[in-house]
C-alpha atoms as a PDB file:
ATOM      1  CA  ALA A   1     102.395 102.370 128.053  1.00  0.00           C
ATOM      2  CA  ALA A   2     103.738  98.641 127.425  1.00  0.00           C
ATOM      3  CA  LEU A   3     102.124  99.076 123.752  1.00  0.00           C
ATOM      4  CA  GLN A   4     103.998 102.395 123.344  1.00  0.00           C
ATOM      5  CA  LEU A   5     107.229 100.992 123.950  1.00  0.00           C
ATOM      6  CA  ARG A   6     106.643  97.954 121.865  1.00  0.00           C
ATOM      7  CA  GLN A   7     106.267 100.719 119.190  1.00  0.00           C
ATOM      8  CA  GLN A   8     109.311 102.508 120.564  1.00  0.00           C
ATOM      9  CA  ALA A   9     111.727  99.656 119.931  1.00  0.00           C
ATOM     10  CA  PRO A  10     110.835  97.910 116.392  1.00  0.00           C
ATOM     11  CA  GLY A  11     113.441  94.607 116.365  1.00  0.00           C
ATOM     12  CA  LEU A  12     115.212  92.340 114.358  1.00  0.00           C
ATOM     13  CA  GLY A  13     115.590  89.632 112.226  1.00  0.00           C
ATOM     14  CA  GLU A  14     118.344  87.029 112.206  1.00  0.00           C
ATOM     15  CA  PRO A  15     121.058  85.741 109.618  1.00  0.00           C
ATOM     16  CA  VAL A  16     122.396  82.276 108.978  1.00  0.00           C
ATOM     17  CA  GLY A  17     125.458  80.173 109.977  1.00  0.00           C
ATOM     18  CA  VAL A  18     126.915  76.701 108.928  1.00  0.00           C
ATOM     19  CA  HIS A  19     125.562  74.268 111.613  1.00  0.00           C
ATOM     20  CA  ARG A  20     124.621  70.830 112.353  1.00  0.00           C
ATOM     21  CA  GLY A  21     121.431  69.462 110.453  1.00  0.00           C
ATOM     22  CA  ALA A  22     122.110  72.023 107.603  1.00  0.00           C
ATOM     23  CA  ARG A  23     119.250  70.724 105.530  1.00  0.00           C
ATOM     24  CA  PHE A  24     116.970  71.657 108.401  1.00  0.00           C
ATOM     25  CA  ALA A  25     118.047  75.431 107.999  1.00  0.00           C
ATOM     26  CA  ALA A  26     115.497  77.993 108.344  1.00  0.00           C
ATOM     27  CA  VAL A  27     115.016  81.669 109.058  1.00  0.00           C
ATOM     28  CA  PHE A  28     113.755  82.498 112.261  1.00  0.00           C
ATOM     29  CA  PRO A  29     112.693  86.212 112.954  1.00  0.00           C
ATOM     30  CA  PHE A  30     112.951  85.876 116.734  1.00  0.00           C
ATOM     31  CA  ASP A  31     113.968  89.266 117.617  1.00  0.00           C
ATOM     32  CA  ALA A  32     111.173  91.375 116.615  1.00  0.00           C
ATOM     33  CA  PRO A  33     110.284  94.353 119.026  1.00  0.00           C
ATOM     34  CA  VAL A  34     112.360  94.844 122.146  1.00  0.00           C
ATOM     35  CA  ARG A  35     109.470  95.089 124.312  1.00  0.00           C
ATOM     36  CA  THR A  36     109.867  96.541 127.887  1.00  0.00           C
ATOM     37  CA  THR A  37     107.072  96.022 130.447  1.00  0.00           C
ATOM     38  CA  MET A  38     108.646  97.670 133.098  1.00  0.00           C
ATOM     39  CA  LYS A  39     106.165 100.593 134.248  1.00  0.00           C
ATOM     40  CA  THR A  40     109.120 102.550 135.661  1.00  0.00           C
ATOM     41  CA  LEU A  41     110.318 102.698 132.036  1.00  0.00           C
ATOM     42  CA  SER A  42     107.045 103.362 130.339  1.00  0.00           C
ATOM     43  CA  ALA A  43     106.151 106.370 132.387  1.00  0.00           C
ATOM     44  CA  HIS A  44     108.976 108.190 130.885  1.00  0.00           C
ATOM     45  CA  SER A  45     107.343 107.954 127.180  1.00  0.00           C
ATOM     46  CA  ALA A  46     104.769 110.690 126.305  1.00  0.00           C
ATOM     47  CA  PRO A  47     102.114 109.643 123.838  1.00  0.00           C
ATOM     48  CA  GLY A  48     102.852 110.953 120.413  1.00  0.00           C
ATOM     49  CA  SER A  49     106.488 111.554 121.185  1.00  0.00           C
ATOM     50  CA  SER A  50     109.210 111.277 118.035  1.00  0.00           C
ATOM     51  CA  ALA A  51     110.713 107.927 120.124  1.00  0.00           C
ATOM     52  CA  ALA A  52     107.291 106.046 119.707  1.00  0.00           C
ATOM     53  CA  ALA A  53     106.958 106.595 115.928  1.00  0.00           C
ATOM     54  CA  ARG A  54     108.256 104.077 113.623  1.00  0.00           C
ATOM     55  CA  LEU A  55     111.152 104.172 111.536  1.00  0.00           C
ATOM     56  CA  PRO A  56     110.370 103.511 107.781  1.00  0.00           C
ATOM     57  CA  LEU A  57     113.932 103.351 106.793  1.00  0.00           C
ATOM     58  CA  LEU A  58     114.744 101.096 109.720  1.00  0.00           C
ATOM     59  CA  ASP A  59     111.899  98.601 108.582  1.00  0.00           C
ATOM     60  CA  ALA A  60     112.947  98.786 105.110  1.00  0.00           C
ATOM     61  CA  LEU A  61     116.749  97.799 105.981  1.00  0.00           C
ATOM     62  CA  ARG A  62     114.978  95.162 108.050  1.00  0.00           C
ATOM     63  CA  ALA A  63     112.890  93.854 105.067  1.00  0.00           C
ATOM     64  CA  PHE A  64     115.723  93.928 102.947  1.00  0.00           C
ATOM     65  CA  GLY A  65     117.885  92.102 105.110  1.00  0.00           C
ATOM     66  CA  ALA A  66     115.461  89.454 105.695  1.00  0.00           C
ATOM     67  CA  LEU A  67     114.930  89.077 102.100  1.00  0.00           C
ATOM     68  CA  SER A  68     118.587  88.633 101.388  1.00  0.00           C
ATOM     69  CA  ILE A  69     119.050  85.952 104.357  1.00  0.00           C
ATOM     70  CA  MET A  70     116.119  84.004 102.877  1.00  0.00           C
ATOM     71  CA  LEU A  71     117.933  83.769  99.523  1.00  0.00           C
ATOM     72  CA  HIS A  72     121.230  83.135 100.903  1.00  0.00           C
ATOM     73  CA  HIS A  73     119.622  80.004 102.626  1.00  0.00           C
ATOM     74  CA  PHE A  74     117.887  79.078  99.384  1.00  0.00           C
ATOM     75  CA  ALA A  75     121.216  79.457  97.522  1.00  0.00           C
ATOM     76  CA  LEU A  76     123.248  77.409 100.608  1.00  0.00           C
ATOM     77  CA  TYR A  77     121.267  74.610 101.259  1.00  0.00           C
ATOM     78  CA  ALA A  78     120.181  71.252  99.456  1.00  0.00           C
ATOM     79  CA  PRO A  79     117.871  70.178  98.230  1.00  0.00           C
ATOM     80  CA  LEU A  80     116.252  73.505  96.879  1.00  0.00           C
ATOM     81  CA  ARG A  81     119.568  74.515  95.361  1.00  0.00           C
ATOM     82  CA  ASP A  82     120.269  71.163  93.820  1.00  0.00           C
ATOM     83  CA  LEU A  83     117.198  71.704  92.059  1.00  0.00           C
ATOM     84  CA  ALA A  84     117.668  75.146  90.832  1.00  0.00           C
ATOM     85  CA  ALA A  85     121.303  74.805  90.058  1.00  0.00           C
ATOM     86  CA  PRO A  86     120.543  73.643  86.355  1.00  0.00           C
ATOM     87  CA  LEU A  87     118.503  77.032  85.783  1.00  0.00           C
ATOM     88  CA  ALA A  88     120.388  79.828  87.920  1.00  0.00           C
ATOM     89  CA  GLY A  89     123.671  78.182  89.049  1.00  0.00           C
ATOM     90  CA  GLY A  90     125.603  81.579  88.704  1.00  0.00           C
ATOM     91  CA  LEU A  91     123.058  83.482  90.546  1.00  0.00           C
ATOM     92  CA  LEU A  92     123.047  81.083  93.387  1.00  0.00           C
ATOM     93  CA  ASP A  93     126.988  81.395  93.715  1.00  0.00           C
ATOM     94  CA  TRP A  94     126.587  84.764  94.089  1.00  0.00           C
ATOM     95  CA  LEU A  95     123.755  84.928  96.444  1.00  0.00           C
ATOM     96  CA  GLU A  96     125.682  82.034  98.550  1.00  0.00           C
ATOM     97  CA  ALA A  97     128.912  84.358  98.707  1.00  0.00           C
ATOM     98  CA  HIS A  98     126.893  88.034  99.294  1.00  0.00           C
ATOM     99  CA  ALA A  99     123.667  87.833 100.501  1.00  0.00           C
ATOM    100  CA  ARG A 100     124.811  87.961 103.876  1.00  0.00           C
ATOM    101  CA  THR A 101     123.234  90.999 105.778  1.00  0.00           C
ATOM    102  CA  THR A 102     124.058  89.997 109.508  1.00  0.00           C
ATOM    103  CA  GLN A 103     125.438  93.508 110.079  1.00  0.00           C
ATOM    104  CA  ILE A 104     122.754  95.181 109.099  1.00  0.00           C
ATOM    105  CA  PHE A 105     120.795  93.495 111.929  1.00  0.00           C
ATOM    106  CA  PHE A 106     123.556  93.827 114.701  1.00  0.00           C
ATOM    107  CA  VAL A 107     123.706  97.599 113.608  1.00  0.00           C
ATOM    108  CA  ALA A 108     119.908  98.260 113.860  1.00  0.00           C
ATOM    109  CA  SER A 109     119.736  96.166 117.171  1.00  0.00           C
ATOM    110  CA  GLY A 110     122.500  98.664 118.771  1.00  0.00           C
ATOM    111  CA  PHE A 111     120.565 101.608 117.563  1.00  0.00           C
ATOM    112  CA  VAL A 112     117.029 100.415 118.872  1.00  0.00           C
ATOM    113  CA  LEU A 113     118.341  99.302 122.249  1.00  0.00           C
ATOM    114  CA  ALA A 114     120.152 102.706 122.616  1.00  0.00           C
ATOM    115  CA  ARG A 115     117.119 104.650 121.269  1.00  0.00           C
ATOM    116  CA  SER A 116     114.610 102.882 123.710  1.00  0.00           C
ATOM    117  CA  LEU A 117     116.673 102.475 126.951  1.00  0.00           C
ATOM    118  CA  ALA A 118     119.661 104.840 127.016  1.00  0.00           C
ATOM    119  CA  ARG A 119     117.685 107.490 128.415  1.00  0.00           C
ATOM    120  CA  HIS A 120     116.576 105.863 131.541  1.00  0.00           C
ATOM    121  CA  ARG A 121     118.225 105.087 134.850  1.00  0.00           C
ATOM    122  CA  TRP A 122     119.346 101.612 135.477  1.00  0.00           C
ATOM    123  CA  SER A 123     119.995  99.520 138.535  1.00  0.00           C
ATOM    124  CA  LEU A 124     120.462  95.875 139.047  1.00  0.00           C
ATOM    125  CA  ALA A 125     116.995  95.242 139.787  1.00  0.00           C
ATOM    126  CA  ARG A 126     116.031  96.521 136.715  1.00  0.00           C
ATOM    127  CA  CYS A 127     118.551  94.591 134.866  1.00  0.00           C
ATOM    128  CA  GLY A 128     117.051  91.533 136.458  1.00  0.00           C
ATOM    129  CA  SER A 129     113.690  92.741 135.208  1.00  0.00           C
ATOM    130  CA  PHE A 130     115.136  93.024 131.916  1.00  0.00           C
ATOM    131  CA  LEU A 131     116.738  89.684 131.654  1.00  0.00           C
ATOM    132  CA  ILE A 132     113.555  87.932 132.411  1.00  0.00           C
ATOM    133  CA  GLN A 133     111.527  89.969 129.798  1.00  0.00           C
ATOM    134  CA  ARG A 134     114.242  89.352 127.202  1.00  0.00           C
ATOM    135  CA  TYR A 135     114.347  85.861 128.007  1.00  0.00           C
ATOM    136  CA  CYS A 136     110.602  85.345 127.519  1.00  0.00           C
ATOM    137  CA  ARG A 137     110.428  87.404 124.436  1.00  0.00           C
ATOM    138  CA  LEU A 138     113.402  85.305 122.851  1.00  0.00           C
ATOM    139  CA  GLY A 139     113.464  82.599 124.488  1.00  0.00           C
ATOM    140  CA  LEU A 140     109.798  81.070 124.387  1.00  0.00           C
ATOM    141  CA  PRO A 141     109.834  80.901 120.410  1.00  0.00           C
ATOM    142  CA  TYR A 142     113.396  79.903 120.595  1.00  0.00           C
ATOM    143  CA  LEU A 143     112.618  76.907 122.811  1.00  0.00           C
ATOM    144  CA  CYS A 144     109.646  75.768 120.692  1.00  0.00           C
ATOM    145  CA  THR A 145     111.942  75.843 117.603  1.00  0.00           C
ATOM    146  CA  ILE A 146     114.362  73.953 119.489  1.00  0.00           C
ATOM    147  CA  ALA A 147     111.682  71.196 120.126  1.00  0.00           C
ATOM    148  CA  LEU A 148     110.763  71.210 116.573  1.00  0.00           C
ATOM    149  CA  VAL A 149     114.516  70.791 115.333  1.00  0.00           C
ATOM    150  CA  LEU A 150     114.757  67.908 117.556  1.00  0.00           C
ATOM    151  CA  ALA A 151     111.754  66.255 116.690  1.00  0.00           C
ATOM    152  CA  ALA A 152     112.596  66.467 113.092  1.00  0.00           C
ATOM    153  CA  TYR A 153     116.264  65.005 113.607  1.00  0.00           C
ATOM    154  CA  ALA A 154     114.636  62.146 115.580  1.00  0.00           C
ATOM    155  CA  PHE A 155     111.989  61.633 112.492  1.00  0.00           C
ATOM    156  CA  ALA A 156     114.841  61.633 109.943  1.00  0.00           C
ATOM    157  CA  HIS A 157     117.555  59.593 112.170  1.00  0.00           C
ATOM    158  CA  ASP A 158     117.145  56.625 110.105  1.00  0.00           C
ATOM    159  CA  THR A 159     116.907  58.257 106.645  1.00  0.00           C
ATOM    160  CA  LEU A 160     119.566  60.684 106.634  1.00  0.00           C
ATOM    161  CA  PRO A 161     123.471  60.356 107.234  1.00  0.00           C
ATOM    162  CA  ASP A 162     125.172  61.533 110.102  1.00  0.00           C
ATOM    163  CA  GLU A 163     127.087  64.322 108.242  1.00  0.00           C
ATOM    164  CA  VAL A 164     123.825  66.002 107.749  1.00  0.00           C
ATOM    165  CA  LEU A 165     122.050  65.311 111.086  1.00  0.00           C
ATOM    166  CA  GLY A 166     125.226  65.814 113.140  1.00  0.00           C
ATOM    167  CA  SER A 167     126.543  64.453 116.402  1.00  0.00           C
ATOM    168  CA  ALA A 168     124.026  63.025 118.992  1.00  0.00           C
ATOM    169  CA  LEU A 169     122.497  65.933 121.492  1.00  0.00           C
ATOM    170  CA  THR A 170     124.142  65.868 124.697  1.00  0.00           C
ATOM    171  CA  PRO A 171     122.857  67.185 127.929  1.00  0.00           C
ATOM    172  CA  ARG A 172     125.711  69.799 127.993  1.00  0.00           C
ATOM    173  CA  GLN A 173     124.659  70.868 124.297  1.00  0.00           C
ATOM    174  CA  LEU A 174     120.890  71.410 125.303  1.00  0.00           C
ATOM    175  CA  LEU A 175     121.687  73.235 128.416  1.00  0.00           C
ATOM    176  CA  ALA A 176     124.179  75.462 126.586  1.00  0.00           C
ATOM    177  CA  HIS A 177     121.595  76.418 123.964  1.00  0.00           C
ATOM    178  CA  LEU A 178     118.998  77.155 126.861  1.00  0.00           C
ATOM    179  CA  ALA A 179     121.404  79.845 128.592  1.00  0.00           C
ATOM    180  CA  PHE A 180     122.194  81.194 125.224  1.00  0.00           C
ATOM    181  CA  VAL A 181     125.698  80.294 125.607  1.00  0.00           C
ATOM    182  CA  GLN A 182     126.559  78.053 123.028  1.00  0.00           C
ATOM    183  CA  ASP A 183     128.806  79.879 121.010  1.00  0.00           C
ATOM    184  CA  LEU A 184     131.051  80.686 124.342  1.00  0.00           C
ATOM    185  CA  VAL A 185     131.340  77.252 125.563  1.00  0.00           C
ATOM    186  CA  GLY A 186     132.051  75.620 121.727  1.00  0.00           C
ATOM    187  CA  GLU A 187     129.060  73.709 121.429  1.00  0.00           C
ATOM    188  CA  GLU A 188     127.839  72.703 117.994  1.00  0.00           C
ATOM    189  CA  GLN A 189     124.648  74.816 116.899  1.00  0.00           C
ATOM    190  CA  LEU A 190     121.534  72.723 116.579  1.00  0.00           C
ATOM    191  CA  SER A 191     120.050  74.637 113.555  1.00  0.00           C
ATOM    192  CA  ALA A 192     120.656  77.951 111.594  1.00  0.00           C
ATOM    193  CA  GLY A 193     119.897  81.011 113.065  1.00  0.00           C
ATOM    194  CA  PHE A 194     120.175  79.903 116.828  1.00  0.00           C
ATOM    195  CA  TRP A 195     123.757  81.562 116.799  1.00  0.00           C
ATOM    196  CA  PHE A 196     122.330  84.888 115.995  1.00  0.00           C
ATOM    197  CA  VAL A 197     119.512  84.598 118.662  1.00  0.00           C
ATOM    198  CA  CYS A 198     122.032  83.632 121.263  1.00  0.00           C
ATOM    199  CA  ILE A 199     124.299  86.807 120.387  1.00  0.00           C
ATOM    200  CA  ASN A 200     121.538  88.909 120.111  1.00  0.00           C
ATOM    201  CA  PHE A 201     120.650  87.886 123.720  1.00  0.00           C
ATOM    202  CA  GLN A 202     124.164  88.428 125.007  1.00  0.00           C
ATOM    203  CA  LEU A 203     124.428  91.873 123.398  1.00  0.00           C
ATOM    204  CA  GLY A 204     121.266  93.183 124.855  1.00  0.00           C
ATOM    205  CA  LEU A 205     122.301  91.859 128.473  1.00  0.00           C
ATOM    206  CA  ILE A 206     125.889  93.492 127.963  1.00  0.00           C
ATOM    207  CA  TYR A 207     124.174  96.774 127.000  1.00  0.00           C
ATOM    208  CA  VAL A 208     121.968  96.984 129.938  1.00  0.00           C
ATOM    209  CA  LEU A 209     124.602  96.008 132.016  1.00  0.00           C
ATOM    210  CA  THR A 210     126.815  98.913 130.919  1.00  0.00           C
ATOM    211  CA  LEU A 211     123.806 101.280 131.488  1.00  0.00           C
ATOM    212  CA  CYS A 212     123.658  99.937 135.091  1.00  0.00           C
ATOM    213  CA  LEU A 213     127.530 100.842 135.590  1.00  0.00           C
ATOM    214  CA  ARG A 214     126.895 104.120 134.100  1.00  0.00           C
ATOM    215  CA  ASP A 215     124.253 105.127 136.528  1.00  0.00           C
ATOM    216  CA  THR A 216     125.453 103.561 139.654  1.00  0.00           C
ATOM    217  CA  LEU A 217     129.192 104.281 139.765  1.00  0.00           C
ATOM    218  CA  PRO A 218     130.028 107.509 141.217  1.00  0.00           C
ATOM    219  CA  SER A 219     130.932 110.123 138.683  1.00  0.00           C
ATOM    220  CA  ARG A 220     133.962 112.067 138.534  1.00  0.00           C
END
């Protein structure tokens, strides 16, 4: 049943942002399938149902968005851009300005969440289970990437200027990243892609809380 729900909800990649340590930018495909392991959700999905089928168009949009984001990163950050500029400066300028496909992933994410979760009844307990599952799904690779980024900063501390590395990490900044609220409290992103993971986590939580209100408030 858990595998069936994984197939129901193909997830998303993520885009870019201007952040500290821009030269360490990378594309992080954190939001792959939106899985739900709660048996109470799985029980409603019949094998072979249309909800369990993959959507080729959605997969194609995700692939296009991921490729565009990769090219945008290539065009935006040194040293790759500096090396390629003599041969393709005009193309790099176009990619920097136009290869931004964040909207694809936000729209697709909302569609996937609605398609897989809206038909179920939600309570606060179920929202809590979703929050734990969601944090494990997004948070574990996210935390590993934070560790790698901090290691890269420490390694490059004596060789790269402060405008590249950004300000020193503070406990408040780290805690904000661990709670996926750095954008809400005004903390600097540690690396590209983190802002999207943060917002994607928040949107998923807001959506299930909205479903909980739908199912718990008395109807008129």
